Structure formats: C-alpha cells, structure tokens
C-alpha atoms as a PDB file:
ATOM      1  CA  UNK A   1      21.507  -7.155 -38.099  1.00  0.00           C
ATOM      2  CA  UNK A   2      19.364  -9.120 -35.696  1.00  0.00           C
ATOM      3  CA  UNK A   3      21.369  -7.771 -32.750  1.00  0.00           C
ATOM      4  CA  UNK A   4      20.775  -4.172 -33.758  1.00  0.00           C
ATOM      5  CA  UNK A   5      17.043  -4.780 -34.314  1.00  0.00           C
ATOM      6  CA  UNK A   6      16.740  -6.450 -30.863  1.00  0.00           C
ATOM      7  CA  UNK A   7      18.607  -3.590 -29.208  1.00  0.00           C
ATOM      8  CA  UNK A   8      16.397  -0.979 -30.858  1.00  0.00           C
ATOM      9  CA  UNK A   9      13.201  -2.857 -29.892  1.00  0.00           C
ATOM     10  CA  UNK A  10      14.305  -3.234 -26.280  1.00  0.00           C
ATOM     11  CA  UNK A  11      15.188   0.436 -26.137  1.00  0.00           C
ATOM     12  CA  UNK A  12      11.762   1.449 -27.502  1.00  0.00           C
ATOM     13  CA  UNK A  13       9.957  -0.857 -25.051  1.00  0.00           C
ATOM     14  CA  UNK A  14      11.937   0.511 -22.102  1.00  0.00           C
ATOM     15  CA  UNK A  15      11.123   4.156 -23.131  1.00  0.00           C
ATOM     16  CA  UNK A  16       7.433   3.207 -23.392  1.00  0.00           C
ATOM     17  CA  UNK A  17       7.395   1.599 -19.918  1.00  0.00           C
ATOM     18  CA  UNK A  18       9.224   4.535 -18.341  1.00  0.00           C
ATOM     19  CA  UNK A  19       6.756   7.064 -19.853  1.00  0.00           C
ATOM     20  CA  UNK A  20       3.691   4.962 -18.898  1.00  0.00           C
ATOM     21  CA  UNK A  21       4.657   4.865 -15.239  1.00  0.00           C
ATOM     22  CA  UNK A  22       5.291   8.575 -14.963  1.00  0.00           C
ATOM     23  CA  UNK A  23       1.770   9.545 -13.858  1.00  0.00           C
ATOM     24  CA  UNK A  24       1.235   7.889 -10.451  1.00  0.00           C
ATOM     25  CA  UNK A  25      -1.292   9.164  -7.919  1.00  0.00           C
ATOM     26  CA  UNK A  26      -0.383   8.387  -4.306  1.00  0.00           C
ATOM     27  CA  UNK A  27      -3.008   8.534  -1.513  1.00  0.00           C
ATOM     28  CA  UNK A  28      -2.280   7.804   2.116  1.00  0.00           C
ATOM     29  CA  UNK A  29      -4.965   7.606   4.841  1.00  0.00           C
ATOM     30  CA  UNK A  30      -3.857   7.655   8.504  1.00  0.00           C
ATOM     31  CA  UNK A  31      -6.430   6.663  11.159  1.00  0.00           C
ATOM     32  CA  UNK A  32      -5.993   6.596  14.900  1.00  0.00           C
ATOM     33  CA  UNK A  33      -8.576   5.112  17.221  1.00  0.00           C
ATOM     34  CA  UNK A  34      -8.847   3.635  20.738  1.00  0.00           C
ATOM     35  CA  UNK A  35     -10.058   0.117  21.535  1.00  0.00           C
ATOM     36  CA  UNK A  36     -10.715  -1.538  24.882  1.00  0.00           C
ATOM     37  CA  UNK A  37      -8.600  -4.340  26.205  1.00  0.00           C
ATOM     38  CA  UNK A  38     -10.369  -6.971  28.314  1.00  0.00           C
ATOM     39  CA  UNK A  39      -9.567 -10.105  30.291  1.00  0.00           C
ATOM     40  CA  UNK A  40     -11.645 -12.985  31.360  1.00  0.00           C
ATOM     41  CA  UNK A  41     -12.250 -13.173  35.128  1.00  0.00           C
ATOM     42  CA  UNK A  42     -12.825 -16.302  37.284  1.00  0.00           C
ATOM     43  CA  UNK A  43     -16.580 -16.348  36.619  1.00  0.00           C
ATOM     44  CA  UNK A  44     -16.033 -16.333  32.833  1.00  0.00           C
ATOM     45  CA  UNK A  45     -16.990 -12.729  32.246  1.00  0.00           C
ATOM     46  CA  UNK A  46     -14.821 -10.297  30.366  1.00  0.00           C
ATOM     47  CA  UNK A  47     -13.872  -7.141  32.161  1.00  0.00           C
ATOM     48  CA  UNK A  48     -12.356  -4.052  30.679  1.00  0.00           C
ATOM     49  CA  UNK A  49      -8.750  -3.728  31.895  1.00  0.00           C
ATOM     50  CA  UNK A  50      -7.674  -0.707  29.912  1.00  0.00           C
ATOM     51  CA  UNK A  51      -7.520   1.000  26.584  1.00  0.00           C
ATOM     52  CA  UNK A  52      -5.158   0.682  23.624  1.00  0.00           C
ATOM     53  CA  UNK A  53      -4.307   3.176  20.859  1.00  0.00           C
ATOM     54  CA  UNK A  54      -4.394   1.598  17.437  1.00  0.00           C
ATOM     55  CA  UNK A  55      -2.969   3.180  14.219  1.00  0.00           C
ATOM     56  CA  UNK A  56      -4.091   2.249  10.723  1.00  0.00           C
ATOM     57  CA  UNK A  57      -2.123   3.439   7.662  1.00  0.00           C
ATOM     58  CA  UNK A  58      -3.477   2.720   4.178  1.00  0.00           C
ATOM     59  CA  UNK A  59      -1.347   3.583   1.140  1.00  0.00           C
ATOM     60  CA  UNK A  60      -2.757   3.453  -2.371  1.00  0.00           C
ATOM     61  CA  UNK A  61      -0.737   4.013  -5.544  1.00  0.00           C
ATOM     62  CA  UNK A  62      -2.671   4.205  -8.797  1.00  0.00           C
ATOM     63  CA  UNK A  63      -0.855   4.545 -12.093  1.00  0.00           C
ATOM     64  CA  UNK A  64      -2.602   5.986 -15.115  1.00  0.00           C
ATOM     65  CA  UNK A  65      -1.524   5.335 -18.680  1.00  0.00           C
ATOM     66  CA  UNK A  66      -1.461   8.484 -20.723  1.00  0.00           C
END
C-alpha cells in the first residue's frame, strides 16, 4: 500500500514539474564591438598597436509558472 502511494505521489510531482517548466522565454543578445590594443613603449607610455574585434553573447532563460 505504501509503495503504491509513493509511486502515485512521485508521478503527480513529476507531472507538475514538467508542466511548470513548459513556458520558458529565451532571449539572446549578440553584441560586436572594436577595442584598441596597446603596448607600453620604452618611455613608459602606452601606444596603440592595433584593434581587436570583441563579441559578447548574453543568453537569458526565464521560466514562468502558469
């Protein structure tokens, strides 16, 4: 009797968790920008030696309980 009750409770909880996670909003932001690269010279000053492309990807997943 206890085994059947435990099985039924676990089944109900798993159904609840699956239905609660069904509504997920996914947002992805992709940014590309350029930054300067620099090196220190003999006098101690920093000089621009070139440019570097930098990518930034932000992913957000937000789940809402119905």
